[in-house]
Amino acid sequence: MSARTSAYIRTFSTYDEEKIANIRHVVSLINATHKKNGSSKRWRIKIRPRLGLNSIYRDLYARGGALHRYTSQDIKREHGARFDIYMHRR
C-alpha cells in the first residue's frame, strides 16, 4: 500500500453529490466551531479525480497529450474513474 498524505479522507468510486455535500457540511460545522472559539483555523475540501487503470482518456493526460500539464495534473471530473477527497487547512 502506498503512503498517503495526512489530508486524505477517503475515495469514492463515483462522484456522489450527496456524500460530498455531507462531507462539506461537516467541514463547515468544524469551521464554525473554530470561528466561535476564536481560532483562526479553517479547513477546505479538495476533490481530486483519478483516471482508471485502463482509462480511455489516459492519452489525453500523457506527455504530449492535449490535457497534459507539467506542474500539476488536474483530471477533469467527467474523465475521473475514482475521486479522492482531501481536507486542507486554509
N, C-alpha and C. Protein backbone atom coordinates (compact mmCIF):
# COMPACT_ATOMS: atom_id res chain seq x y z
N MET A 1 0.84 -1.18 0.00
CA MET A 1 0.00 0.00 0.00
C MET A 1 0.88 1.24 0.00
N SER A 2 0.54 2.20 -0.84
CA SER A 2 1.33 3.41 -0.92
C SER A 2 0.99 4.35 0.23
N ALA A 3 1.94 5.20 0.57
CA ALA A 3 1.73 6.17 1.65
C ALA A 3 0.80 7.27 1.16
N ARG A 4 -0.07 7.72 2.03
CA ARG A 4 -0.99 8.81 1.70
C ARG A 4 -0.66 10.00 2.59
N THR A 5 -1.07 11.15 2.14
CA THR A 5 -0.90 12.36 2.92
C THR A 5 -1.88 12.35 4.09
N SER A 6 -1.58 13.10 5.11
CA SER A 6 -2.48 13.17 6.27
C SER A 6 -3.77 13.91 5.93
N ALA A 7 -3.81 14.61 4.80
CA ALA A 7 -5.01 15.34 4.39
C ALA A 7 -6.05 14.43 3.73
N TYR A 8 -5.65 13.21 3.39
CA TYR A 8 -6.55 12.28 2.70
C TYR A 8 -7.70 11.87 3.62
N ILE A 9 -8.93 11.89 3.08
CA ILE A 9 -10.10 11.45 3.84
C ILE A 9 -10.57 10.10 3.34
N ARG A 10 -10.96 10.03 2.06
CA ARG A 10 -11.42 8.76 1.50
C ARG A 10 -11.53 8.86 -0.01
N THR A 11 -11.83 7.72 -0.65
CA THR A 11 -12.01 7.66 -2.09
C THR A 11 -13.41 7.17 -2.40
N PHE A 12 -14.05 7.83 -3.37
CA PHE A 12 -15.35 7.39 -3.87
C PHE A 12 -15.16 6.83 -5.27
N SER A 13 -15.92 5.78 -5.61
CA SER A 13 -15.81 5.20 -6.94
C SER A 13 -16.68 5.95 -7.95
N THR A 14 -17.61 6.77 -7.47
CA THR A 14 -18.40 7.63 -8.33
C THR A 14 -18.48 9.01 -7.67
N TYR A 15 -18.78 10.01 -8.47
CA TYR A 15 -18.94 11.36 -7.93
C TYR A 15 -20.34 11.45 -7.35
N ASP A 16 -20.45 11.21 -6.06
CA ASP A 16 -21.74 11.17 -5.37
C ASP A 16 -21.98 12.51 -4.69
N GLU A 17 -22.86 13.32 -5.28
CA GLU A 17 -23.14 14.67 -4.78
C GLU A 17 -23.59 14.66 -3.33
N GLU A 18 -24.41 13.69 -2.96
CA GLU A 18 -24.95 13.64 -1.60
C GLU A 18 -23.86 13.38 -0.56
N LYS A 19 -22.99 12.43 -0.82
CA LYS A 19 -21.90 12.12 0.12
C LYS A 19 -20.93 13.29 0.23
N ILE A 20 -20.62 13.91 -0.89
CA ILE A 20 -19.70 15.04 -0.89
C ILE A 20 -20.33 16.22 -0.16
N ALA A 21 -21.63 16.43 -0.34
CA ALA A 21 -22.33 17.50 0.37
C ALA A 21 -22.30 17.25 1.88
N ASN A 22 -22.42 15.99 2.29
CA ASN A 22 -22.34 15.66 3.72
C ASN A 22 -20.96 15.98 4.29
N ILE A 23 -19.92 15.67 3.54
CA ILE A 23 -18.55 15.98 3.99
C ILE A 23 -18.37 17.49 4.08
N ARG A 24 -18.84 18.22 3.08
CA ARG A 24 -18.74 19.68 3.11
C ARG A 24 -19.49 20.27 4.31
N HIS A 25 -20.63 19.69 4.64
CA HIS A 25 -21.41 20.16 5.78
C HIS A 25 -20.64 19.94 7.09
N VAL A 26 -20.03 18.78 7.25
CA VAL A 26 -19.25 18.50 8.45
C VAL A 26 -18.09 19.48 8.56
N VAL A 27 -17.42 19.76 7.46
CA VAL A 27 -16.30 20.70 7.48
C VAL A 27 -16.79 22.10 7.81
N SER A 28 -17.96 22.49 7.32
CA SER A 28 -18.48 23.82 7.66
C SER A 28 -18.81 23.91 9.15
N LEU A 29 -19.28 22.81 9.74
CA LEU A 29 -19.52 22.80 11.19
C LEU A 29 -18.21 22.91 11.97
N ILE A 30 -17.19 22.22 11.51
CA ILE A 30 -15.87 22.32 12.14
C ILE A 30 -15.35 23.75 12.06
N ASN A 31 -15.48 24.37 10.89
CA ASN A 31 -15.04 25.76 10.72
C ASN A 31 -15.82 26.72 11.60
N ALA A 32 -17.13 26.50 11.72
CA ALA A 32 -17.95 27.36 12.57
C ALA A 32 -17.55 27.23 14.04
N THR A 33 -17.23 26.01 14.47
CA THR A 33 -16.78 25.79 15.84
C THR A 33 -15.46 26.50 16.11
N HIS A 34 -14.52 26.40 15.16
CA HIS A 34 -13.24 27.09 15.31
C HIS A 34 -13.43 28.60 15.37
N LYS A 35 -14.31 29.11 14.51
CA LYS A 35 -14.56 30.56 14.49
C LYS A 35 -15.18 31.02 15.80
N LYS A 36 -16.13 30.23 16.31
CA LYS A 36 -16.80 30.57 17.57
C LYS A 36 -15.82 30.61 18.73
N ASN A 37 -14.84 29.70 18.70
CA ASN A 37 -13.84 29.63 19.77
C ASN A 37 -12.69 30.61 19.58
N GLY A 38 -12.74 31.41 18.52
CA GLY A 38 -11.71 32.43 18.31
C GLY A 38 -10.46 31.92 17.62
N SER A 39 -10.51 30.72 17.11
CA SER A 39 -9.35 30.14 16.42
C SER A 39 -9.32 30.62 14.98
N SER A 40 -8.13 30.73 14.42
CA SER A 40 -8.01 31.13 13.02
C SER A 40 -7.95 29.91 12.09
N LYS A 41 -8.04 28.71 12.63
CA LYS A 41 -8.01 27.51 11.81
C LYS A 41 -9.27 27.41 10.97
N ARG A 42 -9.09 27.19 9.67
CA ARG A 42 -10.19 26.94 8.77
C ARG A 42 -9.77 25.81 7.84
N TRP A 43 -10.72 25.01 7.41
CA TRP A 43 -10.45 23.86 6.56
C TRP A 43 -11.23 23.98 5.27
N ARG A 44 -10.73 23.32 4.22
CA ARG A 44 -11.42 23.26 2.94
C ARG A 44 -11.30 21.86 2.39
N ILE A 45 -12.22 21.51 1.52
CA ILE A 45 -12.26 20.20 0.89
C ILE A 45 -11.74 20.33 -0.54
N LYS A 46 -10.91 19.40 -0.95
CA LYS A 46 -10.42 19.34 -2.33
C LYS A 46 -10.76 17.96 -2.87
N ILE A 47 -11.42 17.92 -4.01
CA ILE A 47 -11.79 16.67 -4.67
C ILE A 47 -10.87 16.49 -5.87
N ARG A 48 -10.14 15.39 -5.88
CA ARG A 48 -9.18 15.12 -6.95
C ARG A 48 -9.59 13.87 -7.72
N PRO A 49 -10.07 14.01 -8.95
CA PRO A 49 -10.40 12.83 -9.76
C PRO A 49 -9.12 12.09 -10.17
N ARG A 50 -9.25 10.78 -10.33
CA ARG A 50 -8.15 9.94 -10.82
C ARG A 50 -8.63 9.18 -12.04
N LEU A 51 -7.72 8.96 -12.97
CA LEU A 51 -8.03 8.13 -14.12
C LEU A 51 -8.04 6.67 -13.69
N GLY A 52 -8.82 5.86 -14.37
CA GLY A 52 -8.83 4.43 -14.10
C GLY A 52 -7.59 3.76 -14.68
N LEU A 53 -7.40 2.51 -14.34
CA LEU A 53 -6.22 1.77 -14.78
C LEU A 53 -6.12 1.71 -16.30
N ASN A 54 -7.19 1.40 -16.97
CA ASN A 54 -7.21 1.33 -18.43
C ASN A 54 -8.13 2.38 -19.02
N SER A 55 -8.00 3.59 -18.55
CA SER A 55 -8.87 4.68 -18.97
C SER A 55 -8.69 5.02 -20.44
N ILE A 56 -9.79 5.29 -21.10
CA ILE A 56 -9.72 5.70 -22.50
C ILE A 56 -9.18 7.12 -22.64
N TYR A 57 -9.10 7.86 -21.54
CA TYR A 57 -8.63 9.24 -21.55
C TYR A 57 -7.14 9.37 -21.22
N ARG A 58 -6.47 8.27 -20.95
CA ARG A 58 -5.09 8.35 -20.48
C ARG A 58 -4.17 9.04 -21.47
N ASP A 59 -4.40 8.87 -22.78
CA ASP A 59 -3.55 9.51 -23.78
C ASP A 59 -3.68 11.03 -23.75
N LEU A 60 -4.84 11.54 -23.35
CA LEU A 60 -5.02 12.99 -23.25
C LEU A 60 -4.12 13.61 -22.19
N TYR A 61 -3.87 12.85 -21.11
CA TYR A 61 -3.10 13.36 -19.98
C TYR A 61 -1.63 12.94 -20.02
N ALA A 62 -1.27 12.06 -20.95
CA ALA A 62 0.11 11.63 -21.08
C ALA A 62 0.95 12.76 -21.69
N ARG A 63 2.26 12.63 -21.60
CA ARG A 63 3.14 13.64 -22.18
C ARG A 63 2.83 13.78 -23.66
N GLY A 64 2.60 15.01 -24.09
CA GLY A 64 2.26 15.28 -25.48
C GLY A 64 0.76 15.29 -25.73
N GLY A 65 -0.02 14.91 -24.74
CA GLY A 65 -1.48 14.91 -24.90
C GLY A 65 -2.05 16.31 -24.76
N ALA A 66 -3.26 16.47 -25.20
CA ALA A 66 -3.90 17.79 -25.20
C ALA A 66 -4.11 18.35 -23.80
N LEU A 67 -4.27 17.50 -22.79
CA LEU A 67 -4.55 17.96 -21.43
C LEU A 67 -3.36 17.77 -20.47
N HIS A 68 -2.20 17.47 -21.00
CA HIS A 68 -1.01 17.28 -20.15
C HIS A 68 -0.53 18.61 -19.58
N ARG A 69 -0.19 18.61 -18.30
CA ARG A 69 0.36 19.79 -17.63
C ARG A 69 1.66 19.38 -16.95
N TYR A 70 2.66 20.23 -16.99
CA TYR A 70 3.96 19.90 -16.41
C TYR A 70 3.97 20.03 -14.89
N THR A 71 3.25 21.00 -14.35
CA THR A 71 3.34 21.26 -12.92
C THR A 71 2.28 20.57 -12.10
N SER A 72 1.09 20.45 -12.61
CA SER A 72 0.00 19.86 -11.84
C SER A 72 -0.88 19.05 -12.77
N GLN A 73 -1.23 17.87 -12.33
CA GLN A 73 -2.06 17.00 -13.16
C GLN A 73 -3.50 17.05 -12.67
N ASP A 74 -4.28 17.93 -13.22
CA ASP A 74 -5.69 18.03 -12.86
C ASP A 74 -6.52 17.27 -13.88
N ILE A 75 -7.24 16.28 -13.39
CA ILE A 75 -8.09 15.45 -14.23
C ILE A 75 -9.49 16.07 -14.22
N LYS A 76 -10.11 16.16 -15.37
CA LYS A 76 -11.48 16.66 -15.43
C LYS A 76 -12.42 15.68 -14.74
N ARG A 77 -13.44 16.20 -14.08
CA ARG A 77 -14.37 15.36 -13.33
C ARG A 77 -15.02 14.31 -14.22
N GLU A 78 -15.38 14.68 -15.44
CA GLU A 78 -16.04 13.72 -16.32
C GLU A 78 -15.10 12.61 -16.80
N HIS A 79 -13.78 12.79 -16.66
CA HIS A 79 -12.82 11.76 -17.04
C HIS A 79 -12.42 10.88 -15.87
N GLY A 80 -12.79 11.26 -14.66
CA GLY A 80 -12.36 10.54 -13.47
C GLY A 80 -13.09 9.22 -13.27
N ALA A 81 -12.35 8.20 -12.84
CA ALA A 81 -12.93 6.90 -12.51
C ALA A 81 -13.11 6.78 -11.00
N ARG A 82 -12.24 7.46 -10.25
CA ARG A 82 -12.32 7.49 -8.79
C ARG A 82 -12.08 8.93 -8.34
N PHE A 83 -12.57 9.24 -7.14
CA PHE A 83 -12.47 10.61 -6.64
C PHE A 83 -11.93 10.58 -5.22
N ASP A 84 -10.74 11.15 -5.04
CA ASP A 84 -10.13 11.24 -3.71
C ASP A 84 -10.56 12.55 -3.06
N ILE A 85 -10.88 12.47 -1.77
CA ILE A 85 -11.30 13.64 -1.01
C ILE A 85 -10.18 13.99 -0.03
N TYR A 86 -9.75 15.24 -0.06
CA TYR A 86 -8.70 15.73 0.83
C TYR A 86 -9.25 16.91 1.64
N MET A 87 -8.77 17.07 2.86
CA MET A 87 -9.15 18.20 3.69
C MET A 87 -7.88 18.96 4.04
N HIS A 88 -7.77 20.18 3.53
CA HIS A 88 -6.58 21.01 3.73
C HIS A 88 -6.90 22.20 4.62
N ARG A 89 -5.90 22.65 5.35
CA ARG A 89 -6.05 23.85 6.15
C ARG A 89 -5.85 25.07 5.25
N ARG A 90 -6.75 26.07 5.41
CA ARG A 90 -6.62 27.30 4.62
C ARG A 90 -5.73 28.27 5.35
